[in-house]
Amino acid sequence: MNLVSLLDEAAQRTPDAAAIIDGRLGAEHITSFADLCGHSAQIATLFAQAGIGRGDGVVILIPMSAELYAVIAAALRLGAVPVFIDPEQAAAQLERCRGVLPLKALVGTPKACLFRWLQPTLRTIKTVFVAQGWFPGAISLEHAGSLPPIAHAESGLEDEPAMLTFTSGSTGAPKGLLRSHRLLLETQQILIRHLALRPGNINLATMPALVMANLAHGVTSLIPEGDLRHPAALDPAHIASVIRHWKAESLLASPALVERLAEHCLSGHQTLDSLQVIFMGGAPVFLPVMQKAAQIAPQARVAALYGSTEAEPIALIHLDEICETDRRAIAQGAGLPAGQPLQEIGLAILQDRWGQPLGPFSETDMATLVLPAGKIGEVVVSGPHVSQGYLGGLGDMETKFRIGNKIWHRTGDSGWLDEAGRLWLTGRCSARLGEGEQTLYPLSVEAALANDPDIARAAFVSHRGKRLLVLELKQGVEPGPLEKTLSWAGIDRIVILSRIPVDRRHNAKTDYPALRRELDLLAGP
């Protein structure tokens, strides 16, 4: 098994169908499945001539585009391992590879090649390819156009490394996630199954992993112009124009992007009638954002996906599944409904022991540890698409445990299951406030405030022994009497900030470490 074989099969079924549409609106470039497959096979020849082969790491620094996926497919075809790093954490992330995964080459834009010269760790990679331009000393990918393609793909790779990415490091050191071909295939099949995407559909894609799933299943990926590393900074007017122009049928994006898109369309009394499906993920998806999405796409079914880098996805909930009883529960601190765990995944709630190693357990032990419905604890998962460990084992002791022969992953999230078996999320275990009966998690409070029209963002944190409610308000408003509304939360003080820091990856999750640093500065020594 080799993941790229699925691209080859899609190219054989529908060679002339659009695989990827990218570029500037009005001047887009349409790459067919046959062209993408052929181009990637020629790049594979170029890589092979440079000595790249099975098990070699290839660092890729190319924006989301048809060229990016041609390079990924070329590396996979040879059995090489695409490696994706955050340039701001390049030294730390590449250090994780030392002695575990040999880094044989770097492929990047001219800007990325220049960045390599400024990074001592990257300079140790001697073979360099340049995409979308020229750079001194680098091999241009344009040379691949004159080479014969490598038609066959390396086989027997099921349990060998297929791709290396890194966690954000927002709650500690960034950890390398080395996925096998088998795990990636399972993930993509589950995504396609539950996102209800069909061959020939046009999916506006802002998340790299979904494009891989699209390519494997004959779905067209529409990649909008802009820096997709920062979805909240994308121009919503442009996104709306792209959706209308290409009549995109589905959208999977960060809630931050969907909210900006919805507010743009609502302010201009516009609708996106081609959309049949809107999925949001990568951060907590609050009810008002789902409702706004439904307003601008009256034909679409709106849903929120819950998952993590190590387990994508875990649970799914559609807007029409959230009833009035759920809304009242959210307002009273129940947390955020994430829906039924997917049938492919095992999920359990254990007593929150975050920060302490768990297991190993027997099946009998596990049965006694699982909390009953209604009890808040730590969310743990297991399944065919759940990562079995990290690069070099760094982080395994803290986040993995064994039950018999099965490895379970600790998500680091707290939550509970209701009587219907639906998962509710209450926040990060590491952000827990209080102990025993006084325990409270931040998402319980933040979700309760999501419906307040005056509040742009809320964060509930413990700081120097006090429970603080930090608010980012809409322009020109003052907060109401929240201490009474949230009497159950035991708030000691309300702090107003002009902006609550968010994660870099999805621009939607509160960055609690950065927030605490800001609060330290405000409080002084």
Protein backbone atom coordinates (compact mmCIF):
# COMPACT_ATOMS: atom_id res chain seq x y z
CA MET A 1 0.00 0.00 0.00
CA ASN A 2 1.20 3.50 -0.90
CA LEU A 3 -1.05 6.50 -0.40
CA VAL A 4 -0.11 7.94 -3.81
CA SER A 5 -1.67 4.89 -5.49
CA LEU A 6 -5.07 6.41 -4.72
CA LEU A 7 -4.13 9.52 -6.73
CA ASP A 8 -3.07 7.29 -9.62
CA GLU A 9 -6.43 5.49 -9.47
CA ALA A 10 -8.34 8.80 -9.41
CA ALA A 11 -6.35 9.94 -12.47
CA GLN A 12 -7.27 6.73 -14.29
CA ARG A 13 -10.98 7.07 -13.44
CA THR A 14 -11.39 10.77 -14.29
CA PRO A 15 -8.19 11.99 -15.99
CA ASP A 16 -9.63 15.26 -17.23
CA ALA A 17 -11.54 16.22 -14.08
CA ALA A 18 -10.20 19.16 -12.09
CA ALA A 19 -8.09 18.02 -9.13
CA ILE A 20 -7.01 21.46 -7.90
CA ILE A 21 -8.12 24.98 -8.79
CA ASP A 22 -5.77 27.63 -7.43
CA GLY A 23 -4.45 31.10 -8.18
CA ARG A 24 -5.88 34.59 -8.42
CA LEU A 25 -9.65 34.94 -8.99
CA GLY A 26 -10.23 35.36 -12.70
CA ALA A 27 -6.82 33.94 -13.55
CA GLU A 28 -7.00 30.58 -11.78
CA HIS A 29 -5.00 27.58 -12.85
CA ILE A 30 -6.91 24.33 -13.23
CA THR A 31 -4.85 21.17 -12.74
CA SER A 32 -6.51 17.95 -13.84
CA PHE A 33 -6.00 14.67 -12.05
CA ALA A 34 -3.99 13.38 -15.02
CA ASP A 35 -1.75 16.46 -15.09
CA LEU A 36 -1.17 16.38 -11.33
CA CYS A 37 -0.35 12.68 -11.42
CA GLY A 38 1.96 13.08 -14.41
CA HIS A 39 3.76 16.12 -12.99
CA SER A 40 4.30 14.40 -9.65
CA ALA A 41 5.72 11.33 -11.40
CA GLN A 42 8.23 13.53 -13.25
CA ILE A 43 9.24 15.29 -10.02
CA ALA A 44 9.74 11.84 -8.53
CA THR A 45 12.29 11.14 -11.27
CA LEU A 46 14.07 14.42 -10.45
CA PHE A 47 14.13 13.46 -6.76
CA ALA A 48 15.40 9.95 -7.53
CA GLN A 49 18.24 11.35 -9.65
CA ALA A 50 19.29 13.40 -6.61
CA GLY A 51 19.46 10.25 -4.49
CA ILE A 52 16.15 10.58 -2.63
CA GLY A 53 14.52 7.28 -1.82
CA ARG A 54 12.60 5.16 0.61
CA GLY A 55 12.64 6.47 4.20
CA ASP A 56 14.35 9.79 3.40
CA GLY A 57 12.86 12.93 4.93
CA VAL A 58 12.03 15.77 2.53
CA VAL A 59 11.33 19.15 4.17
CA ILE A 60 8.65 20.99 2.16
CA LEU A 61 8.13 24.75 2.45
CA ILE A 62 5.59 25.54 -0.27
CA PRO A 63 2.19 27.28 0.21
CA MET A 64 -1.04 25.38 -0.44
CA SER A 65 -1.15 24.99 -4.22
CA ALA A 66 -1.16 22.37 -6.96
CA GLU A 67 2.67 22.46 -6.86
CA LEU A 68 2.66 21.55 -3.16
CA TYR A 69 0.59 18.43 -3.71
CA ALA A 70 2.61 17.40 -6.76
CA VAL A 71 5.74 17.53 -4.57
CA ILE A 72 4.05 15.59 -1.75
CA ALA A 73 2.88 12.93 -4.20
CA ALA A 74 6.38 12.71 -5.75
CA ALA A 75 7.98 12.07 -2.36
CA LEU A 76 5.35 9.48 -1.42
CA ARG A 77 5.80 7.73 -4.77
CA LEU A 78 9.43 7.05 -3.86
CA GLY A 79 8.61 6.01 -0.31
CA ALA A 80 10.20 9.23 0.99
CA VAL A 81 8.66 11.12 3.90
CA PRO A 82 7.32 14.70 3.44
CA VAL A 83 8.25 16.80 6.50
CA PHE A 84 6.32 19.96 7.41
CA ILE A 85 7.74 22.44 9.90
CA ASP A 86 6.73 25.78 11.36
CA PRO A 87 9.48 28.21 10.23
CA GLU A 88 9.26 30.01 13.58
CA GLN A 89 10.10 26.75 15.39
CA ALA A 90 12.37 25.25 12.74
CA ALA A 91 15.41 24.69 14.97
CA ALA A 92 13.46 22.91 17.73
CA GLN A 93 11.42 20.81 15.32
CA LEU A 94 14.34 19.73 13.16
CA GLU A 95 16.29 18.82 16.28
CA ARG A 96 13.53 16.27 17.01
CA CYS A 97 14.43 14.53 13.73
CA ARG A 98 18.07 14.02 14.63
CA GLY A 99 18.90 10.33 14.81
CA VAL A 100 15.29 9.33 14.05
CA LEU A 101 14.50 10.48 10.50
CA PRO A 102 17.28 11.38 8.02
CA LEU A 103 16.55 14.70 6.28
CA LYS A 104 17.81 14.29 2.72
CA ALA A 105 16.39 17.33 0.90
CA LEU A 106 14.49 20.59 1.14
CA VAL A 107 11.94 21.80 -1.39
CA GLY A 108 10.76 25.39 -1.15
CA THR A 109 9.99 28.69 -2.77
CA PRO A 110 12.86 31.15 -3.36
CA LYS A 111 11.88 32.83 -0.09
CA ALA A 112 12.09 29.48 1.73
CA CYS A 113 15.50 28.79 0.17
CA LEU A 114 16.72 32.15 1.47
CA PHE A 115 15.30 31.30 4.89
CA ARG A 116 17.37 28.10 4.81
CA TRP A 117 20.56 30.17 4.66
CA LEU A 118 19.54 31.98 7.83
CA GLN A 119 18.89 28.77 9.76
CA PRO A 120 21.98 26.74 10.72
CA THR A 121 19.87 23.61 11.22
CA LEU A 122 18.37 23.87 7.74
CA ARG A 123 21.78 24.53 6.17
CA THR A 124 22.79 20.99 7.12
CA ILE A 125 20.35 19.79 4.42
CA LYS A 126 22.55 19.86 1.32
CA THR A 127 20.13 18.92 -1.47
CA VAL A 128 17.80 21.82 -2.26
CA PHE A 129 15.03 22.14 -4.84
CA VAL A 130 13.33 25.43 -5.68
CA ALA A 131 9.68 25.69 -6.73
CA GLN A 132 7.96 28.65 -8.39
CA GLY A 133 11.17 30.46 -9.36
CA TRP A 134 14.97 30.34 -9.19
CA PHE A 135 17.56 30.32 -6.42
CA PRO A 136 21.34 29.99 -6.67
CA GLY A 137 22.58 26.47 -5.96
CA ALA A 138 19.08 24.97 -5.93
CA ILE A 139 17.70 22.49 -8.46
CA SER A 140 14.63 23.94 -10.18
CA LEU A 141 11.53 21.76 -10.27
CA GLU A 142 11.04 23.03 -13.81
CA HIS A 143 13.73 20.53 -14.89
CA ALA A 144 11.24 17.75 -14.10
CA GLY A 145 9.19 18.70 -17.19
CA SER A 146 11.76 17.12 -19.52
CA LEU A 147 12.16 13.90 -17.53
CA PRO A 148 10.39 10.56 -17.99
CA PRO A 149 7.86 9.85 -15.22
CA ILE A 150 8.24 7.16 -12.58
CA ALA A 151 4.90 5.48 -13.16
CA HIS A 152 5.04 2.93 -10.35
CA ALA A 153 4.83 3.69 -6.64
CA GLU A 154 6.91 2.01 -3.95
CA SER A 155 4.76 -0.71 -2.36
CA GLY A 156 4.64 -2.54 0.95
CA LEU A 157 4.68 0.72 2.89
CA GLU A 158 1.58 0.17 5.05
CA ASP A 159 3.32 0.61 8.38
CA GLU A 160 6.25 2.73 7.21
CA PRO A 161 6.41 6.51 7.75
CA ALA A 162 4.41 8.55 5.23
CA MET A 163 4.41 12.08 6.65
CA LEU A 164 5.86 14.08 9.54
CA THR A 165 4.10 17.09 11.01
CA PHE A 166 4.44 18.80 14.37
CA THR A 167 1.98 19.80 17.05
CA SER A 168 1.68 23.52 17.69
CA GLY A 169 3.59 23.37 20.97
CA SER A 170 1.02 25.70 22.57
CA THR A 171 0.90 23.52 25.69
CA GLY A 172 4.56 22.45 25.74
CA ALA A 173 7.42 21.44 23.44
CA PRO A 174 6.32 20.78 19.83
CA LYS A 175 6.02 17.04 19.24
CA GLY A 176 6.66 15.28 15.95
CA LEU A 177 3.77 13.22 14.62
CA LEU A 178 5.04 10.55 12.23
CA ARG A 179 2.05 9.07 10.42
CA SER A 180 2.19 5.77 8.54
CA HIS A 181 0.59 5.18 5.15
CA ARG A 182 -2.03 3.01 6.88
CA LEU A 183 -2.94 5.73 9.40
CA LEU A 184 -3.20 8.44 6.72
CA LEU A 185 -5.41 6.21 4.59
CA GLU A 186 -7.71 5.48 7.53
CA THR A 187 -7.92 9.21 8.34
CA GLN A 188 -8.77 10.15 4.77
CA GLN A 189 -11.42 7.47 4.40
CA ILE A 190 -13.09 8.58 7.63
CA LEU A 191 -13.00 12.26 6.61
CA ILE A 192 -14.55 11.57 3.21
CA ARG A 193 -17.18 9.27 4.74
CA HIS A 194 -18.36 11.74 7.38
CA LEU A 195 -17.97 14.93 5.35
CA ALA A 196 -20.23 13.38 2.70
CA LEU A 197 -17.98 14.58 -0.15
CA ARG A 198 -18.49 12.93 -3.54
CA PRO A 199 -16.28 12.65 -6.64
CA GLY A 200 -16.86 15.69 -8.83
CA ASN A 201 -17.82 17.92 -5.88
CA ILE A 202 -15.97 21.22 -5.53
CA ASN A 203 -14.66 21.72 -2.00
CA LEU A 204 -13.25 25.07 -0.92
CA ALA A 205 -10.22 23.80 0.98
CA THR A 206 -8.37 25.82 3.60
CA MET A 207 -6.92 22.88 5.57
CA PRO A 208 -4.04 20.93 3.95
CA ALA A 209 -5.08 17.50 5.23
CA LEU A 210 -8.46 17.66 3.51
CA VAL A 211 -6.87 18.28 0.11
CA MET A 212 -5.04 14.98 0.46
CA ALA A 213 -8.35 13.24 1.14
CA ASN A 214 -9.98 15.05 -1.80
CA LEU A 215 -7.24 13.96 -4.20
CA ALA A 216 -7.54 10.34 -3.11
CA HIS A 217 -11.29 10.30 -3.74
CA GLY A 218 -11.77 12.38 -6.88
CA VAL A 219 -13.03 15.57 -5.19
CA THR A 220 -11.99 18.93 -6.65
CA SER A 221 -10.07 21.16 -4.21
CA LEU A 222 -10.62 24.89 -4.64
CA ILE A 223 -7.72 26.70 -2.95
CA PRO A 224 -8.35 30.44 -2.47
CA GLU A 225 -5.65 33.05 -2.85
CA GLY A 226 -4.11 34.27 0.43
CA ASP A 227 -2.00 33.10 3.34
CA LEU A 228 -3.93 30.05 4.53
CA ARG A 229 -1.65 29.74 7.56
CA HIS A 230 -3.63 32.62 9.05
CA PRO A 231 -7.29 31.93 8.17
CA ALA A 232 -8.73 34.80 10.22
CA ALA A 233 -6.68 37.26 8.14
CA LEU A 234 -8.12 36.09 4.80
CA ASP A 235 -10.32 38.56 2.92
CA PRO A 236 -13.92 37.34 3.43
CA ALA A 237 -15.11 39.22 0.33
CA HIS A 238 -12.60 37.29 -1.75
CA ILE A 239 -13.63 33.96 -0.22
CA ALA A 240 -17.30 34.72 -0.95
CA SER A 241 -16.47 35.66 -4.55
CA VAL A 242 -14.50 32.44 -5.07
CA ILE A 243 -17.35 30.31 -3.69
CA ARG A 244 -19.91 32.03 -5.93
CA HIS A 245 -17.72 32.02 -9.05
CA TRP A 246 -16.94 28.29 -8.86
CA LYS A 247 -20.24 27.27 -7.25
CA ALA A 248 -18.40 25.43 -4.48
CA GLU A 249 -20.61 22.82 -2.81
CA SER A 250 -18.69 22.40 0.44
CA LEU A 251 -16.49 24.34 2.83
CA LEU A 252 -14.29 23.08 5.67
CA ALA A 253 -12.60 25.88 7.58
CA SER A 254 -11.63 27.35 10.92
CA PRO A 255 -14.59 28.90 12.81
CA ALA A 256 -12.64 32.18 12.77
CA LEU A 257 -12.74 32.25 8.95
CA VAL A 258 -16.37 31.13 8.75
CA GLU A 259 -17.41 33.83 11.23
CA ARG A 260 -15.69 36.57 9.20
CA LEU A 261 -17.22 35.20 5.99
CA ALA A 262 -20.68 35.10 7.58
CA GLU A 263 -20.44 38.63 8.97
CA HIS A 264 -19.33 39.93 5.56
CA CYS A 265 -22.24 38.24 3.78
CA LEU A 266 -24.80 39.29 6.39
CA SER A 267 -23.69 42.93 6.27
CA GLY A 268 -24.17 42.92 2.51
CA HIS A 269 -27.38 40.83 2.55
CA GLN A 270 -25.65 38.14 0.50
CA THR A 271 -26.09 34.37 0.47
CA LEU A 272 -23.88 31.53 -0.77
CA ASP A 273 -26.53 29.36 -2.38
CA SER A 274 -24.20 26.75 -3.91
CA LEU A 275 -22.94 25.52 -0.53
CA GLN A 276 -24.52 22.24 0.53
CA VAL A 277 -22.19 21.49 3.45
CA ILE A 278 -20.24 23.70 5.89
CA PHE A 279 -17.92 22.02 8.37
CA MET A 280 -15.88 23.87 10.97
CA GLY A 281 -13.04 22.51 13.04
CA GLY A 282 -9.62 23.09 14.54
CA ALA A 283 -10.99 25.09 17.48
CA PRO A 284 -14.14 25.30 19.62
CA VAL A 285 -17.14 25.97 17.38
CA PHE A 286 -19.69 28.04 19.28
CA LEU A 287 -23.39 27.96 18.49
CA PRO A 288 -23.69 31.58 17.21
CA VAL A 289 -21.05 30.91 14.53
CA MET A 290 -22.96 27.85 13.34
CA GLN A 291 -26.18 29.87 13.25
CA LYS A 292 -24.56 32.66 11.21
CA ALA A 293 -23.18 30.08 8.76
CA ALA A 294 -26.68 28.65 8.30
CA GLN A 295 -28.04 32.15 7.59
CA ILE A 296 -25.65 32.82 4.72
CA ALA A 297 -25.91 29.32 3.22
CA PRO A 298 -29.62 28.43 3.40
CA GLN A 299 -29.11 25.20 1.42
CA ALA A 300 -26.23 23.96 3.57
CA ARG A 301 -26.13 21.57 6.48
CA VAL A 302 -23.81 23.14 9.06
CA ALA A 303 -21.69 21.03 11.39
CA ALA A 304 -18.77 21.14 13.80
CA LEU A 305 -15.97 18.57 13.80
CA TYR A 306 -14.06 17.81 16.98
CA GLY A 307 -10.62 16.26 16.72
CA SER A 308 -6.94 16.79 17.39
CA THR A 309 -3.71 16.56 15.45
CA GLU A 310 -3.32 13.02 16.81
CA ALA A 311 -6.88 11.92 16.07
CA GLU A 312 -8.74 13.54 13.17
CA PRO A 313 -11.74 13.46 13.57
CA ILE A 314 -13.25 12.29 16.88
CA ALA A 315 -16.86 13.53 17.01
CA LEU A 316 -19.33 15.41 14.85
CA ILE A 317 -22.45 17.46 15.53
CA HIS A 318 -24.83 19.19 13.12
CA LEU A 319 -26.56 22.45 13.96
CA ASP A 320 -30.01 20.88 13.64
CA GLU A 321 -29.05 18.35 16.34
CA ILE A 322 -28.66 21.07 18.99
CA CYS A 323 -32.04 21.53 20.68
CA GLU A 324 -33.44 24.15 23.05
CA THR A 325 -32.61 21.96 26.05
CA ASP A 326 -28.99 21.92 24.88
CA ARG A 327 -28.97 25.70 24.54
CA ARG A 328 -30.19 26.14 28.12
CA ALA A 329 -27.56 23.67 29.33
CA ILE A 330 -24.81 25.63 27.53
CA ALA A 331 -25.96 28.85 29.21
CA GLN A 332 -25.82 27.12 32.60
CA GLY A 333 -22.21 25.91 32.21
CA ALA A 334 -22.60 22.45 30.65
CA GLY A 335 -19.89 23.22 28.10
CA LEU A 336 -19.91 22.81 24.33
CA PRO A 337 -21.75 19.91 22.63
CA ALA A 338 -19.41 18.02 20.27
CA GLY A 339 -21.85 15.31 19.25
CA GLN A 340 -21.70 11.55 18.95
CA PRO A 341 -18.21 10.02 18.82
CA LEU A 342 -17.64 8.56 15.35
CA GLN A 343 -18.34 4.86 14.98
CA GLU A 344 -14.70 4.23 14.02
CA ILE A 345 -13.33 5.52 17.30
CA GLY A 346 -13.31 4.31 20.89
CA LEU A 347 -13.87 7.12 23.39
CA ALA A 348 -14.00 7.12 27.17
CA ILE A 349 -14.05 9.63 30.02
CA LEU A 350 -11.56 8.96 32.82
CA GLN A 351 -10.85 10.81 36.03
CA ASP A 352 -8.76 13.86 35.17
CA ARG A 353 -5.18 12.97 36.03
CA TRP A 354 -3.57 15.19 33.44
CA GLY A 355 0.12 15.61 34.13
CA GLN A 356 0.45 12.09 35.58
CA PRO A 357 1.34 9.01 33.48
CA LEU A 358 -1.43 6.39 33.12
CA GLY A 359 -1.43 2.62 32.75
CA PRO A 360 -0.78 0.11 31.52
CA PHE A 361 -4.23 -1.31 32.30
CA SER A 362 -6.05 -4.53 31.62
CA GLU A 363 -9.50 -4.48 30.01
CA THR A 364 -10.94 -5.21 33.47
CA ASP A 365 -9.03 -2.29 35.01
CA MET A 366 -10.29 0.04 32.28
CA ALA A 367 -13.92 -0.89 32.92
CA THR A 368 -13.56 0.28 36.51
CA LEU A 369 -11.84 3.56 35.53
CA VAL A 370 -14.41 4.81 33.00
CA LEU A 371 -16.66 7.50 34.46
CA PRO A 372 -20.45 7.22 34.06
CA ALA A 373 -22.59 9.56 31.98
CA GLY A 374 -22.79 13.06 33.39
CA LYS A 375 -19.36 12.99 35.09
CA ILE A 376 -16.67 15.37 33.82
CA GLY A 377 -13.20 13.94 33.26
CA GLU A 378 -10.41 13.46 30.78
CA VAL A 379 -11.28 12.53 27.17
CA VAL A 380 -9.27 9.55 25.86
CA VAL A 381 -9.56 7.89 22.45
CA SER A 382 -8.39 4.89 20.46
CA GLY A 383 -8.92 3.73 16.90
CA PRO A 384 -7.38 2.96 13.51
CA HIS A 385 -6.81 6.65 12.71
CA VAL A 386 -5.43 7.59 16.14
CA SER A 387 -1.68 8.21 16.32
CA GLN A 388 0.22 5.49 18.17
CA GLY A 389 3.10 7.71 19.30
CA TYR A 390 5.39 10.65 18.62
CA LEU A 391 8.72 10.99 16.87
CA GLY A 392 11.40 9.50 19.06
CA GLY A 393 8.83 8.76 21.77
CA LEU A 394 8.93 12.37 23.02
CA GLY A 395 5.56 12.97 24.70
CA ASP A 396 4.40 9.35 24.67
CA MET A 397 4.60 8.94 28.46
CA GLU A 398 2.39 11.99 29.02
CA THR A 399 -0.21 11.35 26.31
CA LYS A 400 -0.33 7.60 25.58
CA PHE A 401 -1.28 4.59 27.67
CA ARG A 402 -1.88 0.94 26.93
CA ILE A 403 -4.90 -1.25 27.59
CA GLY A 404 -3.94 -4.80 26.74
CA ASN A 405 -2.42 -4.57 23.26
CA LYS A 406 -4.22 -1.34 22.34
CA ILE A 407 -2.74 2.15 22.64
CA TRP A 408 -5.02 4.96 23.78
CA HIS A 409 -4.41 8.68 23.29
CA ARG A 410 -5.06 11.32 25.96
CA THR A 411 -6.48 14.34 24.12
CA GLY A 412 -5.76 16.76 26.96
CA ASP A 413 -9.41 17.87 26.80
CA SER A 414 -11.97 17.54 29.55
CA GLY A 415 -15.58 16.64 28.90
CA TRP A 416 -18.51 14.38 29.68
CA LEU A 417 -20.98 12.11 27.97
CA ASP A 418 -24.71 12.72 28.24
CA GLU A 419 -27.35 9.99 28.50
CA ALA A 420 -27.63 9.88 24.69
CA GLY A 421 -23.89 9.16 24.41
CA ARG A 422 -23.02 12.59 23.05
CA LEU A 423 -19.74 14.20 23.99
CA TRP A 424 -19.69 17.63 25.66
CA LEU A 425 -16.40 19.52 25.94
CA THR A 426 -15.54 21.66 28.95
CA GLY A 427 -11.98 22.83 28.21
CA ARG A 428 -8.32 21.90 28.44
CA CYS A 429 -7.35 19.71 31.39
CA SER A 430 -4.28 21.86 31.95
CA ALA A 431 -6.52 24.94 32.35
CA ARG A 432 -8.61 23.41 35.16
CA LEU A 433 -9.64 25.80 37.91
CA GLY A 434 -10.07 24.49 41.47
CA GLU A 435 -10.24 21.00 42.90
CA GLY A 436 -12.98 18.58 43.98
CA GLU A 437 -16.47 20.09 44.02
CA GLN A 438 -14.99 23.48 43.12
CA THR A 439 -13.48 22.23 39.86
CA LEU A 440 -14.42 24.19 36.76
CA TYR A 441 -13.02 24.19 33.23
CA PRO A 442 -12.78 27.31 31.05
CA LEU A 443 -14.95 26.22 28.13
CA SER A 444 -17.95 25.86 30.46
CA VAL A 445 -17.86 29.62 31.05
CA GLU A 446 -16.67 30.65 27.58
CA ALA A 447 -19.45 28.71 25.82
CA ALA A 448 -22.05 30.23 28.15
CA LEU A 449 -20.93 33.71 27.06
CA ALA A 450 -20.75 32.97 23.33
CA ASN A 451 -24.34 34.20 22.80
CA ASP A 452 -23.65 37.62 24.37
CA PRO A 453 -23.79 40.12 21.48
CA ASP A 454 -21.44 42.54 23.24
CA ILE A 455 -18.60 40.05 23.71
CA ALA A 456 -16.20 39.28 20.85
CA ARG A 457 -14.24 36.68 22.83
CA ALA A 458 -14.07 35.45 26.43
CA ALA A 459 -11.45 33.53 28.36
CA PHE A 460 -11.78 32.10 31.87
CA VAL A 461 -8.46 31.59 33.65
CA SER A 462 -6.88 31.16 37.05
CA HIS A 463 -4.25 33.83 37.69
CA ARG A 464 -2.35 34.29 40.93
CA GLY A 465 -4.98 32.39 42.85
CA LYS A 466 -7.95 34.32 41.40
CA ARG A 467 -10.61 33.29 38.90
CA LEU A 468 -10.47 35.90 36.15
CA LEU A 469 -12.95 36.40 33.35
CA VAL A 470 -11.08 38.09 30.51
CA LEU A 471 -13.21 39.79 27.88
CA GLU A 472 -12.59 41.19 24.42
CA LEU A 473 -15.61 43.41 23.75
CA LYS A 474 -17.27 44.54 20.55
CA GLN A 475 -16.36 48.12 19.75
CA GLY A 476 -18.03 50.79 21.90
CA VAL A 477 -19.86 48.57 24.41
CA GLU A 478 -19.61 47.93 28.13
CA PRO A 479 -20.04 44.52 29.78
CA GLY A 480 -23.28 43.79 31.57
CA PRO A 481 -23.61 42.45 35.15
CA LEU A 482 -21.94 39.14 34.36
CA GLU A 483 -21.02 38.27 37.96
CA LYS A 484 -24.71 37.64 38.66
CA THR A 485 -25.39 35.86 35.37
CA LEU A 486 -22.42 33.58 36.00
CA SER A 487 -22.75 33.27 39.77
CA TRP A 488 -22.08 29.52 39.47
CA ALA A 489 -18.58 30.26 38.07
CA GLY A 490 -17.25 32.04 41.18
CA ILE A 491 -15.64 34.88 39.21
CA ASP A 492 -13.29 37.02 41.30
CA ARG A 493 -12.60 39.74 38.76
CA ILE A 494 -13.38 40.81 35.18
CA VAL A 495 -10.48 42.03 33.01
CA ILE A 496 -11.02 43.85 29.70
CA LEU A 497 -8.39 43.45 26.98
CA SER A 498 -8.38 45.01 23.52
CA ARG A 499 -7.46 41.60 22.12
CA ILE A 500 -7.30 38.11 23.61
CA PRO A 501 -4.37 36.18 22.06
CA VAL A 502 -5.27 33.20 19.88
CA ASP A 503 -3.40 30.24 18.40
CA ARG A 504 -1.34 30.75 15.26
CA ARG A 505 -2.62 27.68 13.44
CA HIS A 506 -6.38 28.32 13.33
CA ASN A 507 -6.59 31.85 14.80
CA ALA A 508 -9.56 30.66 16.85
CA LYS A 509 -8.40 29.00 20.09
CA THR A 510 -7.43 31.10 23.10
CA ASP A 511 -3.67 30.98 23.63
CA TYR A 512 -3.74 30.57 27.42
CA PRO A 513 0.05 30.75 27.99
CA ALA A 514 0.23 34.02 26.03
CA LEU A 515 -2.82 35.33 27.88
CA ARG A 516 -1.23 34.59 31.26
CA ARG A 517 1.89 36.48 30.18
CA GLU A 518 -0.27 39.50 29.35
CA LEU A 519 -2.02 39.25 32.71
CA ASP A 520 1.38 39.09 34.43
CA LEU A 521 2.38 42.33 32.71
CA LEU A 522 -0.87 44.00 33.77
CA ALA A 523 -0.54 42.82 37.37
CA GLY A 524 3.12 43.77 37.67
CA PRO A 525 5.65 42.05 39.96
